[in-house]
PDB file of N, CA and C in Angstrom:
ATOM      1  N   UNK A   1      11.772 -24.164 -36.149  1.00  0.00           N
ATOM      2  CA  UNK A   1      11.095 -24.885 -35.108  1.00  0.00           C
ATOM      3  C   UNK A   1      11.810 -24.633 -33.779  1.00  0.00           C
ATOM      4  N   UNK A   2      11.014 -24.255 -32.788  1.00  0.00           N
ATOM      5  CA  UNK A   2      11.598 -23.975 -31.474  1.00  0.00           C
ATOM      6  C   UNK A   2      11.945 -25.264 -30.756  1.00  0.00           C
ATOM      7  N   UNK A   3      12.995 -25.187 -30.038  1.00  0.00           N
ATOM      8  CA  UNK A   3      13.369 -26.355 -29.250  1.00  0.00           C
ATOM      9  C   UNK A   3      12.598 -26.353 -27.937  1.00  0.00           C
ATOM     10  N   UNK A   4      12.573 -27.468 -27.299  1.00  0.00           N
ATOM     11  CA  UNK A   4      11.889 -27.617 -26.018  1.00  0.00           C
ATOM     12  C   UNK A   4      12.452 -26.637 -24.993  1.00  0.00           C
ATOM     13  N   UNK A   5      13.753 -26.471 -24.955  1.00  0.00           N
ATOM     14  CA  UNK A   5      14.381 -25.584 -23.983  1.00  0.00           C
ATOM     15  C   UNK A   5      14.002 -24.121 -24.220  1.00  0.00           C
ATOM     16  N   UNK A   6      13.910 -23.709 -25.475  1.00  0.00           N
ATOM     17  CA  UNK A   6      13.509 -22.335 -25.778  1.00  0.00           C
ATOM     18  C   UNK A   6      12.079 -22.076 -25.308  1.00  0.00           C
ATOM     19  N   UNK A   7      11.210 -23.033 -25.539  1.00  0.00           N
ATOM     20  CA  UNK A   7       9.822 -22.872 -25.111  1.00  0.00           C
ATOM     21  C   UNK A   7       9.720 -22.832 -23.586  1.00  0.00           C
ATOM     22  N   UNK A   8      10.471 -23.687 -22.917  1.00  0.00           N
ATOM     23  CA  UNK A   8      10.463 -23.709 -21.454  1.00  0.00           C
ATOM     24  C   UNK A   8      10.997 -22.383 -20.913  1.00  0.00           C
ATOM     25  N   UNK A   9      12.041 -21.876 -21.538  1.00  0.00           N
ATOM     26  CA  UNK A   9      12.610 -20.603 -21.110  1.00  0.00           C
ATOM     27  C   UNK A   9      11.593 -19.477 -21.289  1.00  0.00           C
ATOM     28  N   UNK A  10      10.921 -19.439 -22.396  1.00  0.00           N
ATOM     29  CA  UNK A  10       9.921 -18.398 -22.654  1.00  0.00           C
ATOM     30  C   UNK A  10       8.766 -18.475 -21.660  1.00  0.00           C
ATOM     31  N   UNK A  11       8.343 -19.688 -21.332  1.00  0.00           N
ATOM     32  CA  UNK A  11       7.284 -19.848 -20.328  1.00  0.00           C
ATOM     33  C   UNK A  11       7.768 -19.357 -18.966  1.00  0.00           C
ATOM     34  N   UNK A  12       8.995 -19.664 -18.628  1.00  0.00           N
ATOM     35  CA  UNK A  12       9.558 -19.206 -17.358  1.00  0.00           C
ATOM     36  C   UNK A  12       9.651 -17.697 -17.291  1.00  0.00           C
ATOM     37  N   UNK A  13      10.042 -17.088 -18.379  1.00  0.00           N
ATOM     38  CA  UNK A  13      10.135 -15.625 -18.429  1.00  0.00           C
ATOM     39  C   UNK A  13       8.748 -15.011 -18.242  1.00  0.00           C
ATOM     40  N   UNK A  14       7.759 -15.555 -18.934  1.00  0.00           N
ATOM     41  CA  UNK A  14       6.388 -15.034 -18.818  1.00  0.00           C
ATOM     42  C   UNK A  14       5.859 -15.207 -17.395  1.00  0.00           C
ATOM     43  N   UNK A  15       6.120 -16.331 -16.785  1.00  0.00           N
ATOM     44  CA  UNK A  15       5.682 -16.548 -15.402  1.00  0.00           C
ATOM     45  C   UNK A  15       6.369 -15.552 -14.456  1.00  0.00           C
ATOM     46  N   UNK A  16       7.626 -15.273 -14.725  1.00  0.00           N
ATOM     47  CA  UNK A  16       8.346 -14.289 -13.914  1.00  0.00           C
ATOM     48  C   UNK A  16       7.734 -12.908 -14.035  1.00  0.00           C
ATOM     49  N   UNK A  17       7.370 -12.521 -15.250  1.00  0.00           N
ATOM     50  CA  UNK A  17       6.720 -11.225 -15.453  1.00  0.00           C
ATOM     51  C   UNK A  17       5.387 -11.181 -14.724  1.00  0.00           C
ATOM     52  N   UNK A  18       4.597 -12.243 -14.835  1.00  0.00           N
ATOM     53  CA  UNK A  18       3.297 -12.290 -14.166  1.00  0.00           C
ATOM     54  C   UNK A  18       3.454 -12.174 -12.654  1.00  0.00           C
ATOM     55  N   UNK A  19       4.419 -12.892 -12.110  1.00  0.00           N
ATOM     56  CA  UNK A  19       4.647 -12.850 -10.665  1.00  0.00           C
ATOM     57  C   UNK A  19       5.101 -11.453 -10.232  1.00  0.00           C
ATOM     58  N   UNK A  20       5.993 -10.849 -10.996  1.00  0.00           N
ATOM     59  CA  UNK A  20       6.462  -9.508 -10.684  1.00  0.00           C
ATOM     60  C   UNK A  20       5.340  -8.483 -10.716  1.00  0.00           C
ATOM     61  N   UNK A  21       4.461  -8.580 -11.712  1.00  0.00           N
ATOM     62  CA  UNK A  21       3.320  -7.655 -11.787  1.00  0.00           C
ATOM     63  C   UNK A  21       2.408  -7.842 -10.577  1.00  0.00           C
ATOM     64  N   UNK A  22       2.155  -9.076 -10.229  1.00  0.00           N
ATOM     65  CA  UNK A  22       1.274  -9.377  -9.098  1.00  0.00           C
ATOM     66  C   UNK A  22       1.864  -8.850  -7.791  1.00  0.00           C
ATOM     67  N   UNK A  23       3.133  -9.106  -7.562  1.00  0.00           N
ATOM     68  CA  UNK A  23       3.780  -8.637  -6.336  1.00  0.00           C
ATOM     69  C   UNK A  23       3.843  -7.121  -6.290  1.00  0.00           C
ATOM     70  N   UNK A  24       4.114  -6.492  -7.416  1.00  0.00           N
ATOM     71  CA  UNK A  24       4.148  -5.037  -7.475  1.00  0.00           C
ATOM     72  C   UNK A  24       2.781  -4.426  -7.206  1.00  0.00           C
ATOM     73  N   UNK A  25       1.755  -5.033  -7.764  1.00  0.00           N
ATOM     74  CA  UNK A  25       0.387  -4.560  -7.534  1.00  0.00           C
ATOM     75  C   UNK A  25       0.041  -4.654  -6.057  1.00  0.00           C
ATOM     76  N   UNK A  26       0.346  -5.782  -5.444  1.00  0.00           N
ATOM     77  CA  UNK A  26       0.023  -5.974  -4.028  1.00  0.00           C
ATOM     78  C   UNK A  26       0.798  -5.009  -3.133  1.00  0.00           C
ATOM     79  N   UNK A  27       2.058  -4.775  -3.450  1.00  0.00           N
ATOM     80  CA  UNK A  27       2.860  -3.841  -2.657  1.00  0.00           C
ATOM     81  C   UNK A  27       2.302  -2.423  -2.793  1.00  0.00           C
ATOM     82  N   UNK A  28       1.956  -2.021  -4.000  1.00  0.00           N
ATOM     83  CA  UNK A  28       1.391  -0.691  -4.226  1.00  0.00           C
ATOM     84  C   UNK A  28       0.052  -0.521  -3.537  1.00  0.00           C
ATOM     85  N   UNK A  29      -0.730  -1.565  -3.573  1.00  0.00           N
ATOM     86  CA  UNK A  29      -2.034  -1.529  -2.925  1.00  0.00           C
ATOM     87  C   UNK A  29      -1.871  -1.342  -1.414  1.00  0.00           C
ATOM     88  N   UNK A  30      -0.940  -2.072  -0.832  1.00  0.00           N
ATOM     89  CA  UNK A  30      -0.687  -1.977   0.608  1.00  0.00           C
ATOM     90  C   UNK A  30      -0.182  -0.586   0.987  1.00  0.00           C
ATOM     91  N   UNK A  31       0.741  -0.052   0.212  1.00  0.00           N
ATOM     92  CA  UNK A  31       1.267   1.291   0.485  1.00  0.00           C
ATOM     93  C   UNK A  31       0.166   2.342   0.380  1.00  0.00           C
ATOM     94  N   UNK A  32      -0.662   2.214  -0.629  1.00  0.00           N
ATOM     95  CA  UNK A  32      -1.760   3.156  -0.805  1.00  0.00           C
ATOM     96  C   UNK A  32      -2.754   3.096   0.344  1.00  0.00           C
ATOM     97  N   UNK A  33      -3.062   1.897   0.795  1.00  0.00           N
ATOM     98  CA  UNK A  33      -3.974   1.721   1.918  1.00  0.00           C
ATOM     99  C   UNK A  33      -3.402   2.372   3.170  1.00  0.00           C
ATOM    100  N   UNK A  34      -2.122   2.125   3.449  1.00  0.00           N
ATOM    101  CA  UNK A  34      -1.488   2.693   4.636  1.00  0.00           C
ATOM    102  C   UNK A  34      -1.430   4.218   4.569  1.00  0.00           C
ATOM    103  N   UNK A  35      -1.143   4.758   3.408  1.00  0.00           N
ATOM    104  CA  UNK A  35      -1.100   6.211   3.250  1.00  0.00           C
ATOM    105  C   UNK A  35      -2.487   6.815   3.455  1.00  0.00           C
ATOM    106  N   UNK A  36      -3.500   6.154   2.943  1.00  0.00           N
ATOM    107  CA  UNK A  36      -4.869   6.634   3.110  1.00  0.00           C
ATOM    108  C   UNK A  36      -5.297   6.626   4.566  1.00  0.00           C
ATOM    109  N   UNK A  37      -4.953   5.569   5.281  1.00  0.00           N
ATOM    110  CA  UNK A  37      -5.295   5.488   6.702  1.00  0.00           C
ATOM    111  C   UNK A  37      -4.589   6.587   7.488  1.00  0.00           C
ATOM    112  N   UNK A  38      -3.346   6.857   7.158  1.00  0.00           N
ATOM    113  CA  UNK A  38      -2.590   7.901   7.843  1.00  0.00           C
ATOM    114  C   UNK A  38      -3.240   9.270   7.617  1.00  0.00           C
ATOM    115  N   UNK A  39      -3.627   9.537   6.394  1.00  0.00           N
ATOM    116  CA  UNK A  39      -4.276  10.814   6.085  1.00  0.00           C
ATOM    117  C   UNK A  39      -5.622  10.921   6.795  1.00  0.00           C
ATOM    118  N   UNK A  40      -6.355   9.811   6.853  1.00  0.00           N
ATOM    119  CA  UNK A  40      -7.651   9.805   7.525  1.00  0.00           C
ATOM    120  C   UNK A  40      -7.490  10.148   9.006  1.00  0.00           C
ATOM    121  N   UNK A  41      -6.482   9.595   9.641  1.00  0.00           N
ATOM    122  CA  UNK A  41      -6.232   9.889  11.054  1.00  0.00           C
ATOM    123  C   UNK A  41      -5.917  11.374  11.266  1.00  0.00           C
ATOM    124  N   UNK A  42      -5.140  11.941  10.359  1.00  0.00           N
ATOM    125  CA  UNK A  42      -4.799  13.361  10.473  1.00  0.00           C
ATOM    126  C   UNK A  42      -6.043  14.238  10.335  1.00  0.00           C
ATOM    127  N   UNK A  43      -6.916  13.881   9.401  1.00  0.00           N
ATOM    128  CA  UNK A  43      -8.150  14.651   9.201  1.00  0.00           C
ATOM    129  C   UNK A  43      -9.016  14.575  10.453  1.00  0.00           C
ATOM    130  N   UNK A  44      -9.156  13.381  11.012  1.00  0.00           N
ATOM    131  CA  UNK A  44      -9.955  13.215  12.226  1.00  0.00           C
ATOM    132  C   UNK A  44      -9.342  14.002  13.378  1.00  0.00           C
ATOM    133  N   UNK A  45      -8.032  13.933  13.514  1.00  0.00           N
ATOM    134  CA  UNK A  45      -7.362  14.672  14.575  1.00  0.00           C
ATOM    135  C   UNK A  45      -7.633  16.172  14.432  1.00  0.00           C
ATOM    136  N   UNK A  46      -7.514  16.701  13.230  1.00  0.00           N
ATOM    137  CA  UNK A  46      -7.755  18.129  13.013  1.00  0.00           C
ATOM    138  C   UNK A  46      -9.197  18.508  13.317  1.00  0.00           C
ATOM    139  N   UNK A  47     -10.133  17.627  13.022  1.00  0.00           N
ATOM    140  CA  UNK A  47     -11.537  17.904  13.341  1.00  0.00           C
ATOM    141  C   UNK A  47     -11.761  17.915  14.857  1.00  0.00           C
ATOM    142  N   UNK A  48     -11.112  16.998  15.553  1.00  0.00           N
ATOM    143  CA  UNK A  48     -11.228  16.981  17.012  1.00  0.00           C
ATOM    144  C   UNK A  48     -10.665  18.257  17.620  1.00  0.00           C
ATOM    145  N   UNK A  49      -9.533  18.707  17.110  1.00  0.00           N
ATOM    146  CA  UNK A  49      -8.911  19.942  17.594  1.00  0.00           C
ATOM    147  C   UNK A  49      -9.821  21.135  17.297  1.00  0.00           C
ATOM    148  N   UNK A  50     -10.390  21.167  16.086  1.00  0.00           N
ATOM    149  CA  UNK A  50     -11.300  22.255  15.720  1.00  0.00           C
ATOM    150  C   UNK A  50     -12.551  22.240  16.601  1.00  0.00           C
ATOM    151  N   UNK A  51     -12.916  21.067  17.087  1.00  0.00           N
ATOM    152  CA  UNK A  51     -14.076  20.945  17.969  1.00  0.00           C
ATOM    153  C   UNK A  51     -13.775  21.277  19.420  1.00  0.00           C
ATOM    154  N   UNK A  52     -12.516  21.586  19.721  1.00  0.00           N
ATOM    155  CA  UNK A  52     -12.166  22.026  21.060  1.00  0.00           C
ATOM    156  C   UNK A  52     -11.311  21.060  21.861  1.00  0.00           C
ATOM    157  N   UNK A  53     -10.958  19.932  21.305  1.00  0.00           N
ATOM    158  CA  UNK A  53     -10.119  18.977  22.040  1.00  0.00           C
ATOM    159  C   UNK A  53      -8.669  19.447  22.017  1.00  0.00           C
ATOM    160  N   UNK A  54      -7.976  19.202  23.109  1.00  0.00           N
ATOM    161  CA  UNK A  54      -6.556  19.559  23.192  1.00  0.00           C
ATOM    162  C   UNK A  54      -5.767  18.755  22.145  1.00  0.00           C
ATOM    163  N   UNK A  55      -4.799  19.386  21.483  1.00  0.00           N
ATOM    164  CA  UNK A  55      -4.032  18.685  20.437  1.00  0.00           C
ATOM    165  C   UNK A  55      -3.380  17.390  20.921  1.00  0.00           C
ATOM    166  N   UNK A  56      -2.866  17.376  22.144  1.00  0.00           N
ATOM    167  CA  UNK A  56      -2.224  16.164  22.660  1.00  0.00           C
ATOM    168  C   UNK A  56      -3.237  15.032  22.810  1.00  0.00           C
ATOM    169  N   UNK A  57      -4.432  15.364  23.300  1.00  0.00           N
ATOM    170  CA  UNK A  57      -5.480  14.351  23.440  1.00  0.00           C
ATOM    171  C   UNK A  57      -5.916  13.825  22.082  1.00  0.00           C
ATOM    172  N   UNK A  58      -6.122  14.735  21.139  1.00  0.00           N
ATOM    173  CA  UNK A  58      -6.555  14.340  19.801  1.00  0.00           C
ATOM    174  C   UNK A  58      -5.527  13.420  19.158  1.00  0.00           C
ATOM    175  N   UNK A  59      -4.252  13.742  19.338  1.00  0.00           N
ATOM    176  CA  UNK A  59      -3.188  12.905  18.782  1.00  0.00           C
ATOM    177  C   UNK A  59      -3.190  11.533  19.432  1.00  0.00           C
ATOM    178  N   UNK A  60      -3.418  11.491  20.733  1.00  0.00           N
ATOM    179  CA  UNK A  60      -3.441  10.205  21.428  1.00  0.00           C
ATOM    180  C   UNK A  60      -4.627   9.354  20.983  1.00  0.00           C
ATOM    181  N   UNK A  61      -5.791   9.947  20.861  1.00  0.00           N
ATOM    182  CA  UNK A  61      -6.977   9.192  20.444  1.00  0.00           C
ATOM    183  C   UNK A  61      -6.872   8.665  19.019  1.00  0.00           C
ATOM    184  N   UNK A  62      -6.253   9.415  18.151  1.00  0.00           N
ATOM    185  CA  UNK A  62      -6.181   9.008  16.746  1.00  0.00           C
ATOM    186  C   UNK A  62      -4.926   8.211  16.417  1.00  0.00           C
ATOM    187  N   UNK A  63      -3.960   8.201  17.325  1.00  0.00           N
ATOM    188  CA  UNK A  63      -2.726   7.474  17.070  1.00  0.00           C
ATOM    189  C   UNK A  63      -1.720   8.261  16.236  1.00  0.00           C
ATOM    190  N   UNK A  64      -1.968   9.543  16.049  1.00  0.00           N
ATOM    191  CA  UNK A  64      -1.042  10.406  15.295  1.00  0.00           C
ATOM    192  C   UNK A  64      -0.091  11.044  16.296  1.00  0.00           C
ATOM    193  N   UNK A  65       1.111  10.534  16.342  1.00  0.00           N
ATOM    194  CA  UNK A  65       2.092  11.085  17.294  1.00  0.00           C
ATOM    195  C   UNK A  65       3.419  11.264  16.591  1.00  0.00           C
TER     196      UNK A  65
END
């Protein structure tokens, strides 16, 4: 028979795992979003340059500096 303290400890451990998974998921999601936005800006900048815009202007408009 488990004691009250063992059960409380096990619940605490499980809650810690759940919180860690949640925080890790959110951090990964944020990093992925930021990386995607950065790549999108680079693609847009390259398209502007290919369309005849000066590289410095394209970088300024897209925020890629």
